[in-house]
N, C-alpha and C. Protein backbone atom coordinates (compact mmCIF):
# COMPACT_ATOMS: atom_id res chain seq x y z
N MET A 1 -2.88 117.80 44.97
CA MET A 1 -1.13 117.29 43.90
C MET A 1 -1.69 117.82 42.68
N PRO A 2 -0.81 118.71 41.86
CA PRO A 2 -0.90 118.79 40.27
C PRO A 2 -1.39 117.69 39.51
N ARG A 3 -1.82 117.71 38.96
CA ARG A 3 -2.57 116.73 37.75
C ARG A 3 -1.45 115.97 36.97
N ALA A 4 -0.39 116.78 36.66
CA ALA A 4 0.57 116.46 36.26
C ALA A 4 1.94 115.75 36.81
N THR A 5 1.96 115.92 38.14
CA THR A 5 2.78 114.83 39.28
C THR A 5 2.39 113.72 39.17
N ARG A 6 0.95 113.60 39.18
CA ARG A 6 0.24 112.11 39.35
C ARG A 6 0.50 111.65 38.22
N LEU A 7 0.68 112.07 37.05
CA LEU A 7 0.88 111.06 35.71
C LEU A 7 1.96 110.52 35.86
N LEU A 8 3.30 111.11 36.45
CA LEU A 8 4.53 110.40 36.54
C LEU A 8 4.59 108.95 36.94
N PRO A 9 5.63 107.83 36.31
CA PRO A 9 5.64 106.64 36.47
C PRO A 9 6.51 107.13 38.12
N GLN A 10 6.18 106.07 39.08
CA GLN A 10 6.84 105.60 40.26
C GLN A 10 8.58 105.05 39.78
N ALA A 11 9.32 105.85 40.55
CA ALA A 11 10.50 105.35 40.28
C ALA A 11 11.15 104.21 41.53
N LEU A 12 11.85 103.52 41.18
CA LEU A 12 12.49 102.36 42.44
C LEU A 12 13.71 102.48 42.18
N ALA A 13 14.60 102.45 43.09
CA ALA A 13 15.85 102.53 42.89
C ALA A 13 16.30 101.24 43.40
N LEU A 14 16.92 100.23 43.18
CA LEU A 14 17.97 99.03 43.04
C LEU A 14 19.52 99.78 43.59
N ASP A 15 19.70 99.26 44.70
CA ASP A 15 21.07 99.69 45.59
C ASP A 15 21.51 98.78 46.25
N GLY A 16 22.58 98.40 46.51
CA GLY A 16 22.95 97.10 47.17
C GLY A 16 24.26 98.42 48.29
N LYS A 17 24.23 97.64 49.54
CA LYS A 17 25.23 98.27 50.72
C LYS A 17 26.10 96.97 50.84
N ARG A 18 27.44 97.20 51.36
CA ARG A 18 28.05 96.25 52.29
C ARG A 18 28.16 96.64 53.57
N ILE A 19 28.08 95.56 54.22
CA ILE A 19 28.33 95.91 56.18
C ILE A 19 29.67 95.14 56.55
N ARG A 20 30.65 95.87 56.74
CA ARG A 20 31.88 95.70 56.65
C ARG A 20 32.29 94.70 56.19
N HIS A 21 32.35 94.78 55.08
CA HIS A 21 33.00 93.97 53.79
C HIS A 21 32.68 92.51 54.09
N HIS A 22 31.69 92.27 54.88
CA HIS A 22 30.98 90.71 55.26
C HIS A 22 29.94 90.05 54.09
N ILE A 23 28.59 91.28 54.78
CA ILE A 23 27.27 90.90 54.00
C ILE A 23 27.02 92.17 53.32
N GLY A 24 25.90 92.15 52.10
CA GLY A 24 25.54 93.09 51.56
C GLY A 24 23.92 93.06 51.43
N LEU A 25 22.80 94.15 51.65
CA LEU A 25 21.92 94.10 51.57
C LEU A 25 21.33 94.72 50.44
N LEU A 26 20.73 94.12 49.50
CA LEU A 26 20.08 94.99 48.24
C LEU A 26 18.74 95.32 48.33
N THR A 27 18.54 96.79 48.00
CA THR A 27 17.31 97.18 48.20
C THR A 27 16.38 97.58 46.88
N LEU A 28 15.62 97.67 46.54
CA LEU A 28 14.92 97.91 45.60
C LEU A 28 13.54 98.79 46.39
N ALA A 29 13.75 100.33 46.69
CA ALA A 29 13.04 101.17 47.49
C ALA A 29 12.86 102.45 46.28
N GLN A 30 11.43 102.61 46.98
CA GLN A 30 10.50 104.06 46.42
C GLN A 30 11.59 105.11 46.41
N GLN A 31 12.03 105.93 45.31
CA GLN A 31 12.55 107.36 45.15
C GLN A 31 12.26 108.16 46.21
N GLU A 32 10.78 107.95 46.35
CA GLU A 32 10.19 109.48 46.80
C GLU A 32 10.75 109.43 48.40
N ASP A 33 9.85 108.14 48.97
CA ASP A 33 10.38 108.37 50.15
C ASP A 33 11.15 106.75 50.78
N GLY A 34 11.83 106.57 49.99
CA GLY A 34 12.68 105.40 50.54
C GLY A 34 12.40 104.59 51.13
N ALA A 35 10.85 104.54 50.99
CA ALA A 35 10.17 102.84 51.62
C ALA A 35 10.75 101.36 50.46
N PRO A 36 11.33 100.85 51.22
CA PRO A 36 11.55 99.39 50.73
C PRO A 36 10.53 98.56 50.22
N GLN A 37 10.35 98.11 48.89
CA GLN A 37 9.66 97.34 48.14
C GLN A 37 9.97 95.98 48.00
N ALA A 38 11.48 95.75 48.03
CA ALA A 38 11.78 94.51 48.53
C ALA A 38 13.30 94.49 48.75
N VAL A 39 13.91 93.51 49.38
CA VAL A 39 15.70 93.43 49.50
C VAL A 39 15.75 91.74 49.65
N ALA A 40 16.89 91.78 49.14
CA ALA A 40 18.04 90.76 49.27
C ALA A 40 19.13 90.71 49.88
N VAL A 41 19.62 89.58 50.49
CA VAL A 41 21.18 89.63 50.91
C VAL A 41 21.98 89.30 49.89
N TYR A 42 23.13 89.42 50.19
CA TYR A 42 24.63 89.06 49.18
C TYR A 42 25.84 89.36 49.85
N ASP A 43 26.67 88.38 49.29
CA ASP A 43 28.28 88.40 49.61
C ASP A 43 29.15 89.11 49.33
N GLN A 44 29.19 89.42 47.54
CA GLN A 44 30.19 89.91 47.31
C GLN A 44 29.64 91.00 46.01
N LYS A 45 30.05 91.82 45.40
CA LYS A 45 29.52 92.86 44.33
C LYS A 45 29.73 91.69 43.41
N ARG A 46 30.41 91.15 43.02
CA ARG A 46 30.15 89.93 41.68
C ARG A 46 31.50 88.87 41.79
N GLY A 47 31.09 88.18 40.91
CA GLY A 47 31.93 86.91 40.95
C GLY A 47 31.47 85.56 41.77
N THR A 48 30.67 85.74 42.68
CA THR A 48 30.05 84.49 43.47
C THR A 48 28.33 84.12 43.29
N VAL A 49 27.99 83.17 43.59
CA VAL A 49 26.60 82.89 43.22
C VAL A 49 25.61 83.54 44.16
N ARG A 50 26.31 84.21 45.04
CA ARG A 50 25.34 85.07 45.99
C ARG A 50 25.92 86.65 45.98
N CYS A 51 26.28 87.06 44.72
CA CYS A 51 26.88 88.25 44.55
C CYS A 51 25.66 89.35 44.28
N GLU A 52 26.00 90.89 44.34
CA GLU A 52 25.07 91.36 44.15
C GLU A 52 24.22 91.70 42.97
N GLN A 53 24.90 91.21 41.73
CA GLN A 53 24.44 90.90 40.72
C GLN A 53 23.34 89.72 40.40
N ASN A 54 23.67 88.72 40.98
CA ASN A 54 22.88 87.53 40.93
C ASN A 54 21.51 87.69 42.01
N ALA A 55 21.75 88.62 43.22
CA ALA A 55 20.82 88.67 44.16
C ALA A 55 19.74 89.60 43.52
N ALA A 56 20.00 90.59 42.74
CA ALA A 56 19.46 91.76 41.98
C ALA A 56 18.29 91.20 40.78
N VAL A 57 19.11 89.94 39.83
CA VAL A 57 18.55 88.95 39.16
C VAL A 57 17.29 88.06 39.72
N ALA A 58 17.71 87.35 41.25
CA ALA A 58 16.99 86.90 41.98
C ALA A 58 15.55 87.28 42.18
N LEU A 59 15.96 88.92 42.55
CA LEU A 59 15.08 89.55 43.46
C LEU A 59 14.15 89.98 42.73
N LEU A 60 14.46 90.56 41.13
CA LEU A 60 13.67 91.01 40.02
C LEU A 60 12.57 89.86 39.41
N GLU A 61 13.17 88.49 39.49
CA GLU A 61 12.55 87.54 39.28
C GLU A 61 11.49 87.18 39.71
N LYS A 62 11.39 87.61 41.09
CA LYS A 62 10.26 87.32 41.92
C LYS A 62 9.33 88.45 41.92
N LEU A 63 9.64 89.36 41.68
CA LEU A 63 8.64 90.46 42.08
C LEU A 63 7.67 90.48 41.02
N PRO A 64 6.15 90.86 41.16
CA PRO A 64 5.26 90.41 40.41
C PRO A 64 5.27 92.01 39.15
N ALA A 65 4.61 92.25 38.47
CA ALA A 65 4.40 92.87 37.53
C ALA A 65 4.28 94.47 38.12
N LEU A 66 5.68 95.35 37.48
CA LEU A 66 5.67 96.88 38.01
C LEU A 66 5.12 97.57 37.14
N ASP A 67 4.17 97.16 36.71
CA ASP A 67 3.65 98.28 35.43
C ASP A 67 3.78 99.70 35.99
N GLY A 68 4.31 100.51 34.39
CA GLY A 68 4.26 101.88 34.89
C GLY A 68 5.09 102.25 36.20
N LYS A 69 6.52 101.72 36.17
CA LYS A 69 7.47 102.05 37.34
C LYS A 69 8.83 101.99 36.11
N ILE A 70 9.39 102.74 36.89
CA ILE A 70 10.79 103.03 36.63
C ILE A 70 11.86 103.02 37.60
N ILE A 71 12.86 101.48 36.84
CA ILE A 71 14.04 101.19 37.77
C ILE A 71 15.53 102.10 37.65
N THR A 72 15.83 102.58 38.66
CA THR A 72 17.29 103.00 38.34
C THR A 72 18.29 102.19 39.06
N ALA A 73 19.34 102.46 38.78
CA ALA A 73 20.63 101.43 39.66
C ALA A 73 21.44 101.82 38.80
N ASP A 74 23.00 101.86 39.55
CA ASP A 74 23.91 101.92 39.16
C ASP A 74 24.87 101.23 38.22
N PRO A 75 25.97 101.71 37.80
CA PRO A 75 26.72 100.95 36.54
C PRO A 75 26.56 99.37 36.87
N LEU A 76 26.71 99.05 37.70
CA LEU A 76 27.19 97.75 38.17
C LEU A 76 26.00 96.78 37.80
N HIS A 77 24.90 97.67 37.71
CA HIS A 77 23.59 96.69 37.25
C HIS A 77 22.92 96.94 35.90
N CYS A 78 24.07 97.05 35.04
CA CYS A 78 23.63 97.61 33.82
C CYS A 78 24.19 96.64 33.05
N GLN A 79 23.27 95.57 33.28
CA GLN A 79 23.71 94.02 32.44
C GLN A 79 22.16 93.73 31.53
N ARG A 80 22.61 92.91 30.25
CA ARG A 80 21.41 92.53 29.88
C ARG A 80 20.54 91.72 30.39
N ARG A 81 20.80 90.47 31.12
CA ARG A 81 20.24 89.67 31.84
C ARG A 81 19.02 90.69 32.76
N GLN A 82 19.54 91.80 33.70
CA GLN A 82 18.59 92.50 34.19
C GLN A 82 17.65 93.52 33.41
N ALA A 83 18.05 94.01 32.60
CA ALA A 83 17.34 94.72 31.79
C ALA A 83 16.08 94.33 31.44
N ARG A 84 16.42 93.26 30.39
CA ARG A 84 15.43 92.33 30.08
C ARG A 84 14.51 91.88 30.96
N LEU A 85 14.68 91.61 32.27
CA LEU A 85 13.76 91.12 33.07
C LEU A 85 13.16 92.59 33.68
N ILE A 86 13.24 93.45 33.68
CA ILE A 86 12.48 94.69 33.85
C ILE A 86 11.88 94.85 32.80
N VAL A 87 12.21 95.11 31.68
CA VAL A 87 11.31 95.46 30.19
C VAL A 87 10.07 93.78 29.95
N GLU A 88 10.32 92.75 30.76
CA GLU A 88 9.56 91.86 30.56
C GLU A 88 8.27 92.08 31.44
N LYS A 89 8.32 92.78 32.71
CA LYS A 89 7.56 93.27 33.64
C LYS A 89 6.62 94.77 33.16
N TRP A 90 7.18 95.09 32.16
CA TRP A 90 6.20 96.00 31.59
C TRP A 90 6.91 97.13 32.28
N ASP A 91 8.11 97.44 32.50
CA ASP A 91 8.43 98.49 32.90
C ASP A 91 10.04 98.96 32.58
N ASP A 92 10.24 100.09 32.88
CA ASP A 92 11.60 101.00 32.09
C ASP A 92 12.73 101.21 33.09
N TYR A 93 13.82 100.88 32.60
CA TYR A 93 15.08 101.12 33.52
C TYR A 93 15.99 102.44 33.03
N LEU A 94 16.64 103.13 33.81
CA LEU A 94 17.64 104.25 33.58
C LEU A 94 18.63 103.77 34.78
N TYR A 95 19.68 103.28 33.65
CA TYR A 95 21.14 102.65 34.02
C TYR A 95 22.32 103.58 33.82
N GLY A 96 23.11 103.83 35.11
CA GLY A 96 24.58 104.63 34.86
C GLY A 96 25.20 103.31 34.31
N ILE A 97 26.18 103.93 32.76
CA ILE A 97 26.68 103.31 32.50
C ILE A 97 28.24 103.66 32.49
N LYS A 98 29.22 102.99 32.76
CA LYS A 98 30.51 103.49 32.58
C LYS A 98 31.57 102.09 32.03
N GLY A 99 32.69 101.94 32.08
CA GLY A 99 33.76 101.53 31.86
C GLY A 99 33.54 99.74 31.76
N ASN A 100 32.47 99.18 32.66
CA ASN A 100 32.09 97.59 32.78
C ASN A 100 31.12 97.46 31.64
N GLN A 101 30.76 98.28 30.81
CA GLN A 101 29.94 98.49 29.75
C GLN A 101 30.73 99.07 28.26
N PRO A 102 31.99 99.01 27.86
CA PRO A 102 32.82 99.74 27.20
C PRO A 102 32.06 99.78 25.51
N ARG A 103 31.58 99.31 25.10
CA ARG A 103 30.89 99.50 23.77
C ARG A 103 29.74 100.22 24.18
N LEU A 104 28.69 99.82 24.72
CA LEU A 104 27.54 100.86 25.54
C LEU A 104 27.84 102.11 25.42
N LEU A 105 29.57 102.76 26.31
CA LEU A 105 29.76 103.68 27.05
C LEU A 105 30.27 104.34 25.69
N GLN A 106 31.05 103.51 24.91
CA GLN A 106 31.19 104.39 23.55
C GLN A 106 30.37 104.95 22.63
N GLU A 107 29.56 104.58 22.86
CA GLU A 107 28.02 104.75 21.77
C GLU A 107 27.04 105.57 22.55
N ALA A 108 27.47 106.11 23.54
CA ALA A 108 26.69 107.01 24.45
C ALA A 108 27.67 108.16 24.26
N GLN A 109 28.74 107.86 24.38
CA GLN A 109 29.79 108.91 24.23
C GLN A 109 29.62 109.78 22.82
N ALA A 110 29.42 108.95 21.65
CA ALA A 110 29.45 109.45 20.46
C ALA A 110 28.25 109.81 20.60
N LEU A 111 27.14 109.68 20.80
CA LEU A 111 25.78 110.31 20.96
C LEU A 111 26.04 111.79 21.74
N ASP A 112 26.36 111.77 22.51
CA ASP A 112 26.94 112.87 23.57
C ASP A 112 27.38 113.96 22.68
N ALA A 113 28.49 113.25 21.63
CA ALA A 113 29.21 114.40 20.78
C ALA A 113 28.51 115.13 19.92
N LEU A 114 27.50 114.71 19.48
CA LEU A 114 26.70 115.12 18.50
C LEU A 114 25.77 116.87 18.82
N PRO A 115 26.18 117.47 17.76
CA PRO A 115 25.50 119.03 17.94
C PRO A 115 23.76 119.05 18.36
N ASP A 116 23.41 118.07 17.76
CA ASP A 116 21.63 118.05 17.96
C ASP A 116 21.81 117.11 18.76
N ILE A 117 20.09 117.00 19.32
CA ILE A 117 19.64 115.33 20.32
C ILE A 117 19.41 114.67 18.79
N PRO A 118 19.66 113.56 19.19
CA PRO A 118 19.28 112.53 18.02
C PRO A 118 17.92 111.92 17.93
N PHE A 119 16.95 112.29 19.18
CA PHE A 119 15.85 111.75 19.08
C PHE A 119 14.54 112.89 20.17
């Protein structure tokens, strides 16, 4: 394996899938091979005690330190509490953003409209 490849952080994907609209399974899996690292059960996307967002928070709270890993997730998980948990465990995150975070989306669109990369 080339040296540069070994230095890249491991990426873990956080994603939930509903089964017949009754129960959901939230998985934190290695992006490279799909191997699950942690799983949680939920009943709806949001709005209940056992929703996907709350299941994600509970799952992240139970994990040991994830040094050097990047957590990716869809816009549903673009929440301050989840981001804070990931950063506290010495990790980075990459979330999709859309209308559920209107101010953040507006700021990202403003950056995208700049003629030069701001960083």
